[in-house]
Amino acid sequence: MTGHLDITVHQIYGATDAAVVFAVSKKDPKFHTSVIVGIDLDNKKIGDVGAYEGSVEGAIMTVYVMAYEKDSPHM
């Protein structure tokens, strides 16, 4: 993945071999999302990063609506 996104982490909840991270973007367009970060405690490394089905898509839809709200105010 290329690019960079500035976020603020609001909360981190621990889970077995993972953490659930809730974040919000720092700049416009503002959106909230969450991801699951795998943690390898034996090797002290971050593993795979995933998301709950629909959580990232919902954030993307919010950004899309904000970008095109002038063209289609009834979205």
PDB file of N, CA and C in Angstrom:
ATOM      1  N   MET A   1       0.842  -1.184   0.000  1.00  0.00           N
ATOM      2  CA  MET A   1       0.000   0.000   0.000  1.00  0.00           C
ATOM      3  C   MET A   1       0.880   1.238   0.000  1.00  0.00           C
ATOM      4  N   THR A   2       0.529   2.200  -0.808  1.00  0.00           N
ATOM      5  CA  THR A   2       1.262   3.452  -0.842  1.00  0.00           C
ATOM      6  C   THR A   2       0.414   4.544  -0.237  1.00  0.00           C
ATOM      7  N   GLY A   3       1.057   5.593   0.161  1.00  0.00           N
ATOM      8  CA  GLY A   3       0.333   6.713   0.747  1.00  0.00           C
ATOM      9  C   GLY A   3       0.482   6.733   2.256  1.00  0.00           C
ATOM     10  N   HIS A   4      -0.070   7.769   2.849  1.00  0.00           N
ATOM     11  CA  HIS A   4       0.057   7.962   4.290  1.00  0.00           C
ATOM     12  C   HIS A   4      -1.218   8.603   4.794  1.00  0.00           C
ATOM     13  N   LEU A   5      -1.660   8.171   5.942  1.00  0.00           N
ATOM     14  CA  LEU A   5      -2.877   8.702   6.535  1.00  0.00           C
ATOM     15  C   LEU A   5      -2.595   9.048   7.985  1.00  0.00           C
ATOM     16  N   ASP A   6      -2.830  10.289   8.374  1.00  0.00           N
ATOM     17  CA  ASP A   6      -2.648  10.709   9.758  1.00  0.00           C
ATOM     18  C   ASP A   6      -3.914  10.392  10.543  1.00  0.00           C
ATOM     19  N   ILE A   7      -3.750   9.622  11.619  1.00  0.00           N
ATOM     20  CA  ILE A   7      -4.890   9.251  12.455  1.00  0.00           C
ATOM     21  C   ILE A   7      -4.580   9.523  13.914  1.00  0.00           C
ATOM     22  N   THR A   8      -5.636   9.582  14.714  1.00  0.00           N
ATOM     23  CA  THR A   8      -5.516   9.616  16.157  1.00  0.00           C
ATOM     24  C   THR A   8      -6.160   8.335  16.674  1.00  0.00           C
ATOM     25  N   VAL A   9      -5.424   7.600  17.485  1.00  0.00           N
ATOM     26  CA  VAL A   9      -5.965   6.378  18.077  1.00  0.00           C
ATOM     27  C   VAL A   9      -6.772   6.780  19.308  1.00  0.00           C
ATOM     28  N   HIS A  10      -8.054   6.388  19.324  1.00  0.00           N
ATOM     29  CA  HIS A  10      -8.933   6.714  20.442  1.00  0.00           C
ATOM     30  C   HIS A  10      -8.862   5.671  21.546  1.00  0.00           C
ATOM     31  N   GLN A  11      -8.934   4.412  21.163  1.00  0.00           N
ATOM     32  CA  GLN A  11      -8.939   3.340  22.155  1.00  0.00           C
ATOM     33  C   GLN A  11      -8.244   2.115  21.583  1.00  0.00           C
ATOM     34  N   ILE A  12      -7.669   1.329  22.483  1.00  0.00           N
ATOM     35  CA  ILE A  12      -7.086   0.039  22.130  1.00  0.00           C
ATOM     36  C   ILE A  12      -7.605  -0.974  23.135  1.00  0.00           C
ATOM     37  N   TYR A  13      -8.205  -2.051  22.616  1.00  0.00           N
ATOM     38  CA  TYR A  13      -8.687  -3.122  23.476  1.00  0.00           C
ATOM     39  C   TYR A  13      -7.857  -4.367  23.206  1.00  0.00           C
ATOM     40  N   GLY A  14      -7.388  -4.996  24.261  1.00  0.00           N
ATOM     41  CA  GLY A  14      -6.603  -6.210  24.133  1.00  0.00           C
ATOM     42  C   GLY A  14      -7.479  -7.415  23.836  1.00  0.00           C
ATOM     43  N   ALA A  15      -6.933  -8.357  23.087  1.00  0.00           N
ATOM     44  CA  ALA A  15      -7.590  -9.624  22.776  1.00  0.00           C
ATOM     45  C   ALA A  15      -6.501 -10.693  22.750  1.00  0.00           C
ATOM     46  N   THR A  16      -6.891 -11.940  22.603  1.00  0.00           N
ATOM     47  CA  THR A  16      -5.909 -13.013  22.534  1.00  0.00           C
ATOM     48  C   THR A  16      -5.084 -12.871  21.262  1.00  0.00           C
ATOM     49  N   ASP A  17      -3.793 -12.652  21.416  1.00  0.00           N
ATOM     50  CA  ASP A  17      -2.859 -12.492  20.298  1.00  0.00           C
ATOM     51  C   ASP A  17      -3.226 -11.358  19.343  1.00  0.00           C
ATOM     52  N   ALA A  18      -3.950 -10.345  19.846  1.00  0.00           N
ATOM     53  CA  ALA A  18      -4.356  -9.232  18.976  1.00  0.00           C
ATOM     54  C   ALA A  18      -4.774  -8.032  19.818  1.00  0.00           C
ATOM     55  N   ALA A  19      -5.013  -6.933  19.137  1.00  0.00           N
ATOM     56  CA  ALA A  19      -5.596  -5.740  19.748  1.00  0.00           C
ATOM     57  C   ALA A  19      -6.581  -5.139  18.750  1.00  0.00           C
ATOM     58  N   VAL A  20      -7.664  -4.595  19.261  1.00  0.00           N
ATOM     59  CA  VAL A  20      -8.628  -3.891  18.422  1.00  0.00           C
ATOM     60  C   VAL A  20      -8.363  -2.407  18.615  1.00  0.00           C
ATOM     61  N   VAL A  21      -8.088  -1.707  17.522  1.00  0.00           N
ATOM     62  CA  VAL A  21      -7.689  -0.302  17.565  1.00  0.00           C
ATOM     63  C   VAL A  21      -8.780   0.552  16.915  1.00  0.00           C
ATOM     64  N   PHE A  22      -9.280   1.543  17.659  1.00  0.00           N
ATOM     65  CA  PHE A  22     -10.284   2.481  17.145  1.00  0.00           C
ATOM     66  C   PHE A  22      -9.583   3.804  16.870  1.00  0.00           C
ATOM     67  N   ALA A  23      -9.808   4.361  15.660  1.00  0.00           N
ATOM     68  CA  ALA A  23      -9.091   5.572  15.263  1.00  0.00           C
ATOM     69  C   ALA A  23      -9.998   6.514  14.485  1.00  0.00           C
ATOM     70  N   VAL A  24      -9.558   7.785  14.409  1.00  0.00           N
ATOM     71  CA  VAL A  24     -10.244   8.810  13.610  1.00  0.00           C
ATOM     72  C   VAL A  24      -9.173   9.559  12.820  1.00  0.00           C
ATOM     73  N   SER A  25      -9.519   9.990  11.605  1.00  0.00           N
ATOM     74  CA  SER A  25      -8.567  10.740  10.795  1.00  0.00           C
ATOM     75  C   SER A  25      -8.342  12.120  11.408  1.00  0.00           C
ATOM     76  N   LYS A  26      -7.131  12.644  11.251  1.00  0.00           N
ATOM     77  CA  LYS A  26      -6.799  13.953  11.816  1.00  0.00           C
ATOM     78  C   LYS A  26      -7.253  15.099  10.917  1.00  0.00           C
ATOM     79  N   LYS A  27      -7.300  14.856   9.622  1.00  0.00           N
ATOM     80  CA  LYS A  27      -7.635  15.917   8.672  1.00  0.00           C
ATOM     81  C   LYS A  27      -8.908  15.558   7.921  1.00  0.00           C
ATOM     82  N   ASP A  28      -9.475  16.543   7.231  1.00  0.00           N
ATOM     83  CA  ASP A  28     -10.648  16.294   6.405  1.00  0.00           C
ATOM     84  C   ASP A  28     -10.268  15.406   5.232  1.00  0.00           C
ATOM     85  N   PRO A  29     -11.118  14.561   4.804  1.00  0.00           N
ATOM     86  CA  PRO A  29     -12.434  14.291   5.370  1.00  0.00           C
ATOM     87  C   PRO A  29     -12.310  13.434   6.626  1.00  0.00           C
ATOM     88  N   LYS A  30     -13.062  13.808   7.668  1.00  0.00           N
ATOM     89  CA  LYS A  30     -13.034  13.082   8.936  1.00  0.00           C
ATOM     90  C   LYS A  30     -13.778  11.764   8.810  1.00  0.00           C
ATOM     91  N   PHE A  31     -13.208  10.704   9.349  1.00  0.00           N
ATOM     92  CA  PHE A  31     -13.900   9.432   9.423  1.00  0.00           C
ATOM     93  C   PHE A  31     -13.359   8.626  10.598  1.00  0.00           C
ATOM     94  N   HIS A  32     -14.184   7.715  11.084  1.00  0.00           N
ATOM     95  CA  HIS A  32     -13.837   6.810  12.178  1.00  0.00           C
ATOM     96  C   HIS A  32     -13.776   5.402  11.622  1.00  0.00           C
ATOM     97  N   THR A  33     -12.864   4.586  12.146  1.00  0.00           N
ATOM     98  CA  THR A  33     -12.794   3.188  11.749  1.00  0.00           C
ATOM     99  C   THR A  33     -12.103   2.387  12.844  1.00  0.00           C
ATOM    100  N   SER A  34     -12.080   1.096  12.672  1.00  0.00           N
ATOM    101  CA  SER A  34     -11.376   0.223  13.609  1.00  0.00           C
ATOM    102  C   SER A  34     -10.691  -0.883  12.830  1.00  0.00           C
ATOM    103  N   VAL A  35      -9.603  -1.380  13.386  1.00  0.00           N
ATOM    104  CA  VAL A  35      -8.871  -2.494  12.782  1.00  0.00           C
ATOM    105  C   VAL A  35      -8.443  -3.459  13.877  1.00  0.00           C
ATOM    106  N   ILE A  36      -8.183  -4.684  13.462  1.00  0.00           N
ATOM    107  CA  ILE A  36      -7.660  -5.702  14.370  1.00  0.00           C
ATOM    108  C   ILE A  36      -6.189  -5.891  14.017  1.00  0.00           C
ATOM    109  N   VAL A  37      -5.315  -5.727  15.004  1.00  0.00           N
ATOM    110  CA  VAL A  37      -3.881  -5.838  14.792  1.00  0.00           C
ATOM    111  C   VAL A  37      -3.393  -7.101  15.485  1.00  0.00           C
ATOM    112  N   GLY A  38      -2.862  -8.024  14.711  1.00  0.00           N
ATOM    113  CA  GLY A  38      -2.294  -9.242  15.279  1.00  0.00           C
ATOM    114  C   GLY A  38      -1.004  -8.929  16.020  1.00  0.00           C
ATOM    115  N   ILE A  39      -0.781  -9.628  17.129  1.00  0.00           N
ATOM    116  CA  ILE A  39       0.420  -9.397  17.936  1.00  0.00           C
ATOM    117  C   ILE A  39       1.085 -10.737  18.214  1.00  0.00           C
ATOM    118  N   ASP A  40       2.368 -10.842  17.856  1.00  0.00           N
ATOM    119  CA  ASP A  40       3.165 -12.033  18.135  1.00  0.00           C
ATOM    120  C   ASP A  40       3.992 -11.726  19.381  1.00  0.00           C
ATOM    121  N   LEU A  41       3.469 -12.118  20.544  1.00  0.00           N
ATOM    122  CA  LEU A  41       4.132 -11.782  21.806  1.00  0.00           C
ATOM    123  C   LEU A  41       5.465 -12.503  21.978  1.00  0.00           C
ATOM    124  N   ASP A  42       5.577 -13.720  21.432  1.00  0.00           N
ATOM    125  CA  ASP A  42       6.829 -14.468  21.562  1.00  0.00           C
ATOM    126  C   ASP A  42       7.988 -13.759  20.881  1.00  0.00           C
ATOM    127  N   ASN A  43       7.727 -13.187  19.704  1.00  0.00           N
ATOM    128  CA  ASN A  43       8.775 -12.504  18.936  1.00  0.00           C
ATOM    129  C   ASN A  43       8.695 -10.984  19.036  1.00  0.00           C
ATOM    130  N   LYS A  44       7.712 -10.482  19.819  1.00  0.00           N
ATOM    131  CA  LYS A  44       7.511  -9.049  20.007  1.00  0.00           C
ATOM    132  C   LYS A  44       7.398  -8.312  18.675  1.00  0.00           C
ATOM    133  N   LYS A  45       6.476  -8.815  17.816  1.00  0.00           N
ATOM    134  CA  LYS A  45       6.261  -8.223  16.500  1.00  0.00           C
ATOM    135  C   LYS A  45       4.777  -8.020  16.250  1.00  0.00           C
ATOM    136  N   ILE A  46       4.483  -7.055  15.383  1.00  0.00           N
ATOM    137  CA  ILE A  46       3.123  -6.815  14.925  1.00  0.00           C
ATOM    138  C   ILE A  46       2.850  -7.782  13.778  1.00  0.00           C
ATOM    139  N   GLY A  47       1.672  -8.395  13.802  1.00  0.00           N
ATOM    140  CA  GLY A  47       1.299  -9.332  12.741  1.00  0.00           C
ATOM    141  C   GLY A  47       0.398  -8.686  11.713  1.00  0.00           C
ATOM    142  N   ASP A  48      -0.536  -9.471  11.221  1.00  0.00           N
ATOM    143  CA  ASP A  48      -1.472  -8.984  10.203  1.00  0.00           C
ATOM    144  C   ASP A  48      -2.413  -7.928  10.773  1.00  0.00           C
ATOM    145  N   VAL A  49      -2.871  -7.044   9.888  1.00  0.00           N
ATOM    146  CA  VAL A  49      -3.866  -6.038  10.247  1.00  0.00           C
ATOM    147  C   VAL A  49      -5.107  -6.328   9.412  1.00  0.00           C
ATOM    148  N   GLY A  50      -6.251  -6.422  10.079  1.00  0.00           N
ATOM    149  CA  GLY A  50      -7.502  -6.701   9.380  1.00  0.00           C
ATOM    150  C   GLY A  50      -8.602  -5.812   9.923  1.00  0.00           C
ATOM    151  N   ALA A  51      -9.800  -5.988   9.401  1.00  0.00           N
ATOM    152  CA  ALA A  51     -10.924  -5.164   9.825  1.00  0.00           C
ATOM    153  C   ALA A  51     -12.174  -6.022   9.910  1.00  0.00           C
ATOM    154  N   TYR A  52     -13.127  -5.572  10.730  1.00  0.00           N
ATOM    155  CA  TYR A  52     -14.434  -6.203  10.748  1.00  0.00           C
ATOM    156  C   TYR A  52     -15.096  -5.953   9.415  1.00  0.00           C
ATOM    157  N   GLU A  53     -15.822  -6.926   8.938  1.00  0.00           N
ATOM    158  CA  GLU A  53     -16.497  -6.779   7.654  1.00  0.00           C
ATOM    159  C   GLU A  53     -17.408  -5.557   7.667  1.00  0.00           C
ATOM    160  N   GLY A  54     -17.194  -4.657   6.731  1.00  0.00           N
ATOM    161  CA  GLY A  54     -18.040  -3.483   6.598  1.00  0.00           C
ATOM    162  C   GLY A  54     -17.545  -2.237   7.307  1.00  0.00           C
ATOM    163  N   SER A  55     -16.619  -2.367   8.259  1.00  0.00           N
ATOM    164  CA  SER A  55     -16.198  -1.173   9.010  1.00  0.00           C
ATOM    165  C   SER A  55     -15.402  -0.200   8.142  1.00  0.00           C
ATOM    166  N   VAL A  56     -14.466  -0.707   7.368  1.00  0.00           N
ATOM    167  CA  VAL A  56     -13.669   0.158   6.496  1.00  0.00           C
ATOM    168  C   VAL A  56     -14.533   0.669   5.344  1.00  0.00           C
ATOM    169  N   GLU A  57     -15.389  -0.211   4.814  1.00  0.00           N
ATOM    170  CA  GLU A  57     -16.273   0.205   3.730  1.00  0.00           C
ATOM    171  C   GLU A  57     -17.182   1.347   4.166  1.00  0.00           C
ATOM    172  N   GLY A  58     -17.669   1.291   5.405  1.00  0.00           N
ATOM    173  CA  GLY A  58     -18.515   2.363   5.935  1.00  0.00           C
ATOM    174  C   GLY A  58     -17.778   3.679   6.008  1.00  0.00           C
ATOM    175  N   ALA A  59     -16.517   3.634   6.421  1.00  0.00           N
ATOM    176  CA  ALA A  59     -15.709   4.852   6.478  1.00  0.00           C
ATOM    177  C   ALA A  59     -15.473   5.405   5.078  1.00  0.00           C
ATOM    178  N   ILE A  60     -15.222   4.516   4.116  1.00  0.00           N
ATOM    179  CA  ILE A  60     -15.004   4.951   2.737  1.00  0.00           C
ATOM    180  C   ILE A  60     -16.275   5.584   2.174  1.00  0.00           C
ATOM    181  N   MET A  61     -17.424   4.994   2.467  1.00  0.00           N
ATOM    182  CA  MET A  61     -18.691   5.544   1.976  1.00  0.00           C
ATOM    183  C   MET A  61     -18.923   6.944   2.537  1.00  0.00           C
ATOM    184  N   THR A  62     -18.566   7.166   3.792  1.00  0.00           N
ATOM    185  CA  THR A  62     -18.691   8.495   4.390  1.00  0.00           C
ATOM    186  C   THR A  62     -17.844   9.504   3.625  1.00  0.00           C
ATOM    187  N   VAL A  63     -16.613   9.127   3.302  1.00  0.00           N
ATOM    188  CA  VAL A  63     -15.722  10.011   2.544  1.00  0.00           C
ATOM    189  C   VAL A  63     -16.313  10.272   1.156  1.00  0.00           C
ATOM    190  N   TYR A  64     -16.833   9.249   0.508  1.00  0.00           N
ATOM    191  CA  TYR A  64     -17.431   9.390  -0.825  1.00  0.00           C
ATOM    192  C   TYR A  64     -18.614  10.357  -0.798  1.00  0.00           C
ATOM    193  N   VAL A  65     -19.481  10.190   0.183  1.00  0.00           N
ATOM    194  CA  VAL A  65     -20.657  11.066   0.299  1.00  0.00           C
ATOM    195  C   VAL A  65     -20.216  12.511   0.506  1.00  0.00           C
ATOM    196  N   MET A  66     -19.208  12.721   1.355  1.00  0.00           N
ATOM    197  CA  MET A  66     -18.722  14.082   1.595  1.00  0.00           C
ATOM    198  C   MET A  66     -18.135  14.689   0.320  1.00  0.00           C
ATOM    199  N   ALA A  67     -17.445  13.880  -0.469  1.00  0.00           N
ATOM    200  CA  ALA A  67     -16.797  14.382  -1.678  1.00  0.00           C
ATOM    201  C   ALA A  67     -17.806  14.781  -2.744  1.00  0.00           C
ATOM    202  N   TYR A  68     -18.945  14.078  -2.783  1.00  0.00           N
ATOM    203  CA  TYR A  68     -19.908  14.312  -3.853  1.00  0.00           C
ATOM    204  C   TYR A  68     -21.237  14.872  -3.369  1.00  0.00           C
ATOM    205  N   GLU A  69     -21.290  15.413  -2.144  1.00  0.00           N
ATOM    206  CA  GLU A  69     -22.565  15.899  -1.617  1.00  0.00           C
ATOM    207  C   GLU A  69     -23.137  17.076  -2.407  1.00  0.00           C
ATOM    208  N   LYS A  70     -22.306  17.890  -3.042  1.00  0.00           N
ATOM    209  CA  LYS A  70     -22.810  19.000  -3.856  1.00  0.00           C
ATOM    210  C   LYS A  70     -23.498  18.484  -5.129  1.00  0.00           C
ATOM    211  N   ASP A  71     -22.942  17.391  -5.696  1.00  0.00           N
ATOM    212  CA  ASP A  71     -23.505  16.827  -6.917  1.00  0.00           C
ATOM    213  C   ASP A  71     -24.811  16.070  -6.657  1.00  0.00           C
ATOM    214  N   SER A  72     -24.892  15.434  -5.477  1.00  0.00           N
ATOM    215  CA  SER A  72     -26.064  14.631  -5.167  1.00  0.00           C
ATOM    216  C   SER A  72     -26.424  14.824  -3.688  1.00  0.00           C
ATOM    217  N   PRO A  73     -27.166  15.870  -3.348  1.00  0.00           N
ATOM    218  CA  PRO A  73     -27.444  16.188  -1.944  1.00  0.00           C
ATOM    219  C   PRO A  73     -28.354  15.178  -1.245  1.00  0.00           C
ATOM    220  N   HIS A  74     -28.912  14.213  -1.976  1.00  0.00           N
ATOM    221  CA  HIS A  74     -29.837  13.255  -1.353  1.00  0.00           C
ATOM    222  C   HIS A  74     -29.196  11.927  -1.037  1.00  0.00           C
ATOM    223  N   MET A  75     -27.864  11.833  -1.035  1.00  0.00           N
ATOM    224  CA  MET A  75     -27.184  10.570  -0.738  1.00  0.00           C
ATOM    225  C   MET A  75     -27.303  10.226   0.722  1.00  0.00           C
TER     226      MET A  75
END
